[in-house]
């Protein structure tokens, strides 16, 4: 009887321990730490084999800075000399127009007819830019995720904390019904790639 009781207790302990391990490792492990899942605006962030995923360390969730900056649409700069990461979040407001009146009044739009091909201007109002950039890039993606036009790059010769910018786009085809996404990206001085700092949607109906 005593042996059966010990066996039963061992079995219960094994089941509870297994459940605890499964619960703590539901998203897997990375170098001995439990992985956490990151969901931003109902979209699950994906991490490759060479990426460090979100981790749970001593009961705290630790997020990779790149994932955070992408989610916040911020700029990141790494200074290896003093092992310091800098993150900048400029305010960028986008709007689109096909018409600028003689009195400089702008007529914005956000809805287009499906099948239409349009020329329009992307206006960007930027402030609180605390880092130096050398160019911006505007790109458009269809509801299916395809690039609609060749990304337009505009050089910035004199980087300022606040400025207005207009980027003309030509021959943009709205062949699909749904949400088109216009992305406005910046490249920091010394960086090799662009970081998206603002997005705005156009509805094709």
C-alpha atoms as a PDB file:
ATOM      1  CA  UNK A   1       0.000   0.000   0.000  1.00  0.00           C
ATOM      2  CA  UNK A   2       2.828   2.346   0.913  1.00  0.00           C
ATOM      3  CA  UNK A   3       4.549   1.647  -2.405  1.00  0.00           C
ATOM      4  CA  UNK A   4       1.335   2.377  -4.315  1.00  0.00           C
ATOM      5  CA  UNK A   5       0.934   5.672  -2.441  1.00  0.00           C
ATOM      6  CA  UNK A   6       4.482   6.703  -3.246  1.00  0.00           C
ATOM      7  CA  UNK A   7       3.968   5.749  -6.895  1.00  0.00           C
ATOM      8  CA  UNK A   8       0.739   7.758  -7.012  1.00  0.00           C
ATOM      9  CA  UNK A   9       2.458  10.801  -5.512  1.00  0.00           C
ATOM     10  CA  UNK A  10       5.319  10.470  -7.992  1.00  0.00           C
ATOM     11  CA  UNK A  11       2.835  10.249 -10.863  1.00  0.00           C
ATOM     12  CA  UNK A  12       0.983  13.377  -9.679  1.00  0.00           C
ATOM     13  CA  UNK A  13       4.276  15.245  -9.299  1.00  0.00           C
ATOM     14  CA  UNK A  14       5.350  14.198 -12.800  1.00  0.00           C
ATOM     15  CA  UNK A  15       2.040  15.320 -14.337  1.00  0.00           C
ATOM     16  CA  UNK A  16       2.136  18.700 -12.546  1.00  0.00           C
ATOM     17  CA  UNK A  17       5.781  19.236 -13.451  1.00  0.00           C
ATOM     18  CA  UNK A  18       5.101  18.403 -17.094  1.00  0.00           C
ATOM     19  CA  UNK A  19       2.147  20.779 -17.166  1.00  0.00           C
ATOM     20  CA  UNK A  20       4.302  23.543 -15.709  1.00  0.00           C
ATOM     21  CA  UNK A  21       7.036  22.958 -18.289  1.00  0.00           C
ATOM     22  CA  UNK A  22       4.543  22.915 -21.162  1.00  0.00           C
ATOM     23  CA  UNK A  23       2.874  26.097 -19.891  1.00  0.00           C
ATOM     24  CA  UNK A  24       6.174  27.944 -19.516  1.00  0.00           C
ATOM     25  CA  UNK A  25       7.489  26.829 -22.897  1.00  0.00           C
ATOM     26  CA  UNK A  26       4.369  27.228 -25.034  1.00  0.00           C
ATOM     27  CA  UNK A  27       6.283  29.394 -27.555  1.00  0.00           C
ATOM     28  CA  UNK A  28       9.550  27.516 -27.166  1.00  0.00           C
ATOM     29  CA  UNK A  29      12.880  28.343 -25.569  1.00  0.00           C
ATOM     30  CA  UNK A  30      15.886  30.427 -26.548  1.00  0.00           C
ATOM     31  CA  UNK A  31      19.222  29.690 -24.864  1.00  0.00           C
ATOM     32  CA  UNK A  32      17.507  28.520 -21.706  1.00  0.00           C
ATOM     33  CA  UNK A  33      14.920  31.301 -21.504  1.00  0.00           C
ATOM     34  CA  UNK A  34      11.211  31.022 -22.226  1.00  0.00           C
ATOM     35  CA  UNK A  35      10.027  32.801 -25.361  1.00  0.00           C
ATOM     36  CA  UNK A  36       7.138  35.280 -25.214  1.00  0.00           C
ATOM     37  CA  UNK A  37       4.919  36.191 -28.143  1.00  0.00           C
ATOM     38  CA  UNK A  38       4.627  39.825 -29.278  1.00  0.00           C
ATOM     39  CA  UNK A  39       1.337  40.953 -30.857  1.00  0.00           C
ATOM     40  CA  UNK A  40       1.076  44.530 -32.161  1.00  0.00           C
ATOM     41  CA  UNK A  41      -2.324  45.793 -33.336  1.00  0.00           C
ATOM     42  CA  UNK A  42      -3.535  42.184 -33.603  1.00  0.00           C
ATOM     43  CA  UNK A  43      -0.550  41.225 -35.779  1.00  0.00           C
ATOM     44  CA  UNK A  44       1.924  38.687 -34.422  1.00  0.00           C
ATOM     45  CA  UNK A  45       5.553  39.764 -34.792  1.00  0.00           C
ATOM     46  CA  UNK A  46       7.688  37.189 -36.573  1.00  0.00           C
ATOM     47  CA  UNK A  47      11.301  36.459 -35.629  1.00  0.00           C
ATOM     48  CA  UNK A  48      13.809  34.551 -37.736  1.00  0.00           C
ATOM     49  CA  UNK A  49      16.268  31.915 -36.570  1.00  0.00           C
ATOM     50  CA  UNK A  50      19.024  34.533 -36.291  1.00  0.00           C
ATOM     51  CA  UNK A  51      16.843  36.978 -34.329  1.00  0.00           C
ATOM     52  CA  UNK A  52      16.572  37.209 -30.564  1.00  0.00           C
ATOM     53  CA  UNK A  53      12.854  36.820 -29.738  1.00  0.00           C
ATOM     54  CA  UNK A  54      10.971  38.347 -26.784  1.00  0.00           C
ATOM     55  CA  UNK A  55      12.047  36.511 -23.630  1.00  0.00           C
ATOM     56  CA  UNK A  56      10.749  35.990 -20.112  1.00  0.00           C
ATOM     57  CA  UNK A  57      13.625  36.565 -17.686  1.00  0.00           C
ATOM     58  CA  UNK A  58      13.022  36.361 -13.938  1.00  0.00           C
ATOM     59  CA  UNK A  59       9.315  36.891 -14.456  1.00  0.00           C
ATOM     60  CA  UNK A  60       9.795  39.975 -16.642  1.00  0.00           C
ATOM     61  CA  UNK A  61       9.169  40.207 -20.382  1.00  0.00           C
ATOM     62  CA  UNK A  62      12.207  41.533 -22.249  1.00  0.00           C
ATOM     63  CA  UNK A  63      11.619  42.783 -25.797  1.00  0.00           C
ATOM     64  CA  UNK A  64      14.223  43.241 -28.562  1.00  0.00           C
ATOM     65  CA  UNK A  65      14.750  46.946 -29.236  1.00  0.00           C
ATOM     66  CA  UNK A  66      14.339  46.484 -32.984  1.00  0.00           C
ATOM     67  CA  UNK A  67      10.927  44.902 -32.515  1.00  0.00           C
ATOM     68  CA  UNK A  68       9.880  47.737 -30.214  1.00  0.00           C
ATOM     69  CA  UNK A  69      11.135  50.434 -32.583  1.00  0.00           C
ATOM     70  CA  UNK A  70       9.383  48.821 -35.549  1.00  0.00           C
ATOM     71  CA  UNK A  71       6.141  48.628 -33.578  1.00  0.00           C
ATOM     72  CA  UNK A  72       6.433  52.264 -32.510  1.00  0.00           C
ATOM     73  CA  UNK A  73       7.687  53.321 -35.960  1.00  0.00           C
ATOM     74  CA  UNK A  74      10.779  54.846 -34.398  1.00  0.00           C
ATOM     75  CA  UNK A  75      14.419  55.239 -35.409  1.00  0.00           C
ATOM     76  CA  UNK A  76      17.211  53.338 -33.649  1.00  0.00           C
ATOM     77  CA  UNK A  77      20.921  54.063 -33.584  1.00  0.00           C
ATOM     78  CA  UNK A  78      23.568  51.896 -31.915  1.00  0.00           C
ATOM     79  CA  UNK A  79      26.801  53.441 -30.622  1.00  0.00           C
ATOM     80  CA  UNK A  80      29.209  50.572 -30.186  1.00  0.00           C
ATOM     81  CA  UNK A  81      31.889  52.749 -28.590  1.00  0.00           C
ATOM     82  CA  UNK A  82      29.844  53.353 -25.444  1.00  0.00           C
ATOM     83  CA  UNK A  83      27.453  50.393 -25.849  1.00  0.00           C
ATOM     84  CA  UNK A  84      24.418  52.661 -25.980  1.00  0.00           C
ATOM     85  CA  UNK A  85      21.245  52.353 -28.032  1.00  0.00           C
ATOM     86  CA  UNK A  86      19.410  55.527 -29.010  1.00  0.00           C
ATOM     87  CA  UNK A  87      15.768  55.540 -30.053  1.00  0.00           C
ATOM     88  CA  UNK A  88      14.052  58.526 -31.674  1.00  0.00           C
ATOM     89  CA  UNK A  89      10.333  58.936 -32.288  1.00  0.00           C
ATOM     90  CA  UNK A  90       9.585  61.850 -34.637  1.00  0.00           C
ATOM     91  CA  UNK A  91       6.045  63.090 -35.179  1.00  0.00           C
ATOM     92  CA  UNK A  92       5.131  62.533 -38.824  1.00  0.00           C
ATOM     93  CA  UNK A  93       1.690  63.403 -40.181  1.00  0.00           C
ATOM     94  CA  UNK A  94       0.823  62.376 -43.748  1.00  0.00           C
ATOM     95  CA  UNK A  95      -1.955  63.461 -46.065  1.00  0.00           C
ATOM     96  CA  UNK A  96      -2.572  63.166 -49.789  1.00  0.00           C
ATOM     97  CA  UNK A  97      -3.894  65.575 -52.372  1.00  0.00           C
ATOM     98  CA  UNK A  98      -4.454  65.743 -56.108  1.00  0.00           C
ATOM     99  CA  UNK A  99      -5.280  69.435 -55.966  1.00  0.00           C
ATOM    100  CA  UNK A 100      -3.553  72.516 -54.588  1.00  0.00           C
ATOM    101  CA  UNK A 101      -5.628  75.645 -55.112  1.00  0.00           C
ATOM    102  CA  UNK A 102      -4.293  79.034 -56.137  1.00  0.00           C
ATOM    103  CA  UNK A 103      -4.616  80.245 -52.541  1.00  0.00           C
ATOM    104  CA  UNK A 104      -2.362  77.305 -51.511  1.00  0.00           C
ATOM    105  CA  UNK A 105      -5.292  75.501 -49.904  1.00  0.00           C
ATOM    106  CA  UNK A 106      -4.861  71.741 -50.067  1.00  0.00           C
ATOM    107  CA  UNK A 107      -7.741  69.389 -50.845  1.00  0.00           C
ATOM    108  CA  UNK A 108      -6.924  66.061 -49.141  1.00  0.00           C
ATOM    109  CA  UNK A 109      -8.376  62.660 -50.023  1.00  0.00           C
ATOM    110  CA  UNK A 110      -8.396  59.181 -48.528  1.00  0.00           C
ATOM    111  CA  UNK A 111     -10.733  57.222 -50.817  1.00  0.00           C
ATOM    112  CA  UNK A 112     -10.298  56.369 -54.510  1.00  0.00           C
ATOM    113  CA  UNK A 113     -12.309  54.491 -57.088  1.00  0.00           C
ATOM    114  CA  UNK A 114     -11.127  50.960 -57.728  1.00  0.00           C
ATOM    115  CA  UNK A 115      -9.345  50.638 -61.074  1.00  0.00           C
ATOM    116  CA  UNK A 116      -8.325  54.280 -61.117  1.00  0.00           C
ATOM    117  CA  UNK A 117      -4.795  55.399 -61.931  1.00  0.00           C
ATOM    118  CA  UNK A 118      -3.846  58.577 -60.116  1.00  0.00           C
ATOM    119  CA  UNK A 119      -1.098  61.153 -59.780  1.00  0.00           C
ATOM    120  CA  UNK A 120      -0.981  62.750 -56.354  1.00  0.00           C
ATOM    121  CA  UNK A 121       1.264  64.385 -53.789  1.00  0.00           C
ATOM    122  CA  UNK A 122       2.212  62.990 -50.395  1.00  0.00           C
ATOM    123  CA  UNK A 123       2.590  65.823 -47.898  1.00  0.00           C
ATOM    124  CA  UNK A 124       4.585  65.099 -44.746  1.00  0.00           C
ATOM    125  CA  UNK A 125       4.637  67.336 -41.704  1.00  0.00           C
ATOM    126  CA  UNK A 126       7.584  66.398 -39.484  1.00  0.00           C
ATOM    127  CA  UNK A 127       8.582  67.635 -36.039  1.00  0.00           C
ATOM    128  CA  UNK A 128      10.432  66.368 -32.964  1.00  0.00           C
ATOM    129  CA  UNK A 129      13.151  64.821 -35.146  1.00  0.00           C
ATOM    130  CA  UNK A 130      16.081  64.584 -32.725  1.00  0.00           C
ATOM    131  CA  UNK A 131      18.519  62.800 -35.034  1.00  0.00           C
ATOM    132  CA  UNK A 132      20.095  63.580 -38.404  1.00  0.00           C
ATOM    133  CA  UNK A 133      18.681  62.023 -41.571  1.00  0.00           C
ATOM    134  CA  UNK A 134      19.936  62.176 -45.140  1.00  0.00           C
ATOM    135  CA  UNK A 135      16.898  60.968 -47.105  1.00  0.00           C
ATOM    136  CA  UNK A 136      13.302  59.815 -46.957  1.00  0.00           C
ATOM    137  CA  UNK A 137      11.484  57.121 -48.909  1.00  0.00           C
ATOM    138  CA  UNK A 138       7.810  56.848 -49.834  1.00  0.00           C
ATOM    139  CA  UNK A 139       6.335  53.506 -50.894  1.00  0.00           C
ATOM    140  CA  UNK A 140       2.816  52.166 -51.467  1.00  0.00           C
ATOM    141  CA  UNK A 141       1.541  48.638 -50.912  1.00  0.00           C
ATOM    142  CA  UNK A 142      -1.673  47.096 -52.202  1.00  0.00           C
ATOM    143  CA  UNK A 143      -4.182  45.146 -50.065  1.00  0.00           C
ATOM    144  CA  UNK A 144      -2.400  41.939 -51.122  1.00  0.00           C
ATOM    145  CA  UNK A 145       0.953  43.321 -49.947  1.00  0.00           C
ATOM    146  CA  UNK A 146       2.465  44.067 -53.360  1.00  0.00           C
ATOM    147  CA  UNK A 147       4.505  47.202 -54.028  1.00  0.00           C
ATOM    148  CA  UNK A 148       2.439  49.432 -56.311  1.00  0.00           C
ATOM    149  CA  UNK A 149       5.144  51.857 -57.452  1.00  0.00           C
ATOM    150  CA  UNK A 150       8.903  52.035 -57.316  1.00  0.00           C
ATOM    151  CA  UNK A 151       9.721  53.607 -53.939  1.00  0.00           C
ATOM    152  CA  UNK A 152      10.428  57.315 -54.313  1.00  0.00           C
ATOM    153  CA  UNK A 153      13.542  58.580 -52.540  1.00  0.00           C
ATOM    154  CA  UNK A 154      14.095  62.224 -51.706  1.00  0.00           C
ATOM    155  CA  UNK A 155      17.421  63.501 -50.383  1.00  0.00           C
ATOM    156  CA  UNK A 156      17.559  65.733 -47.325  1.00  0.00           C
ATOM    157  CA  UNK A 157      20.535  68.066 -47.577  1.00  0.00           C
ATOM    158  CA  UNK A 158      19.771  70.042 -44.423  1.00  0.00           C
ATOM    159  CA  UNK A 159      18.260  67.879 -41.701  1.00  0.00           C
ATOM    160  CA  UNK A 160      16.091  69.869 -39.292  1.00  0.00           C
ATOM    161  CA  UNK A 161      14.020  69.052 -36.249  1.00  0.00           C
ATOM    162  CA  UNK A 162      10.831  70.264 -37.951  1.00  0.00           C
ATOM    163  CA  UNK A 163       9.994  70.596 -41.642  1.00  0.00           C
ATOM    164  CA  UNK A 164       7.380  70.095 -44.339  1.00  0.00           C
ATOM    165  CA  UNK A 165       7.991  67.898 -47.353  1.00  0.00           C
ATOM    166  CA  UNK A 166       6.031  67.008 -50.462  1.00  0.00           C
ATOM    167  CA  UNK A 167       6.696  63.923 -52.563  1.00  0.00           C
ATOM    168  CA  UNK A 168       4.874  63.585 -55.905  1.00  0.00           C
ATOM    169  CA  UNK A 169       3.779  60.132 -57.073  1.00  0.00           C
ATOM    170  CA  UNK A 170       2.791  59.345 -60.644  1.00  0.00           C
ATOM    171  CA  UNK A 171       0.742  56.593 -62.232  1.00  0.00           C
ATOM    172  CA  UNK A 172      -0.374  54.886 -59.037  1.00  0.00           C
ATOM    173  CA  UNK A 173      -2.834  52.126 -59.980  1.00  0.00           C
ATOM    174  CA  UNK A 174      -5.564  51.130 -57.543  1.00  0.00           C
ATOM    175  CA  UNK A 175      -6.495  47.829 -59.195  1.00  0.00           C
ATOM    176  CA  UNK A 176      -7.545  46.035 -56.013  1.00  0.00           C
ATOM    177  CA  UNK A 177     -10.388  46.760 -53.652  1.00  0.00           C
ATOM    178  CA  UNK A 178      -9.392  47.319 -50.053  1.00  0.00           C
ATOM    179  CA  UNK A 179      -6.760  49.168 -48.059  1.00  0.00           C
ATOM    180  CA  UNK A 180      -3.619  50.573 -49.665  1.00  0.00           C
ATOM    181  CA  UNK A 181      -0.837  51.552 -47.257  1.00  0.00           C
ATOM    182  CA  UNK A 182       1.497  54.481 -47.867  1.00  0.00           C
ATOM    183  CA  UNK A 183       4.732  54.148 -45.875  1.00  0.00           C
ATOM    184  CA  UNK A 184       7.043  57.046 -45.082  1.00  0.00           C
ATOM    185  CA  UNK A 185      10.561  55.984 -44.103  1.00  0.00           C
ATOM    186  CA  UNK A 186      13.721  57.801 -43.035  1.00  0.00           C
ATOM    187  CA  UNK A 187      17.389  56.927 -43.304  1.00  0.00           C
ATOM    188  CA  UNK A 188      19.655  58.199 -40.559  1.00  0.00           C
ATOM    189  CA  UNK A 189      23.092  59.607 -41.235  1.00  0.00           C
ATOM    190  CA  UNK A 190      25.466  56.645 -41.402  1.00  0.00           C
ATOM    191  CA  UNK A 191      22.686  54.045 -41.642  1.00  0.00           C
ATOM    192  CA  UNK A 192      22.417  51.525 -44.466  1.00  0.00           C
ATOM    193  CA  UNK A 193      18.659  51.033 -44.497  1.00  0.00           C
ATOM    194  CA  UNK A 194      15.369  52.878 -44.066  1.00  0.00           C
ATOM    195  CA  UNK A 195      13.054  52.757 -41.069  1.00  0.00           C
ATOM    196  CA  UNK A 196       9.319  53.365 -41.430  1.00  0.00           C
ATOM    197  CA  UNK A 197       8.231  56.250 -39.193  1.00  0.00           C
ATOM    198  CA  UNK A 198       4.668  56.768 -40.421  1.00  0.00           C
ATOM    199  CA  UNK A 199       1.911  55.002 -42.350  1.00  0.00           C
ATOM    200  CA  UNK A 200      -1.393  56.178 -43.759  1.00  0.00           C
ATOM    201  CA  UNK A 201      -4.136  54.308 -45.569  1.00  0.00           C
ATOM    202  CA  UNK A 202      -6.038  54.925 -48.794  1.00  0.00           C
ATOM    203  CA  UNK A 203      -9.280  53.035 -49.344  1.00  0.00           C
ATOM    204  CA  UNK A 204      -9.987  51.663 -52.821  1.00  0.00           C
ATOM    205  CA  UNK A 205     -13.711  51.074 -53.383  1.00  0.00           C
END
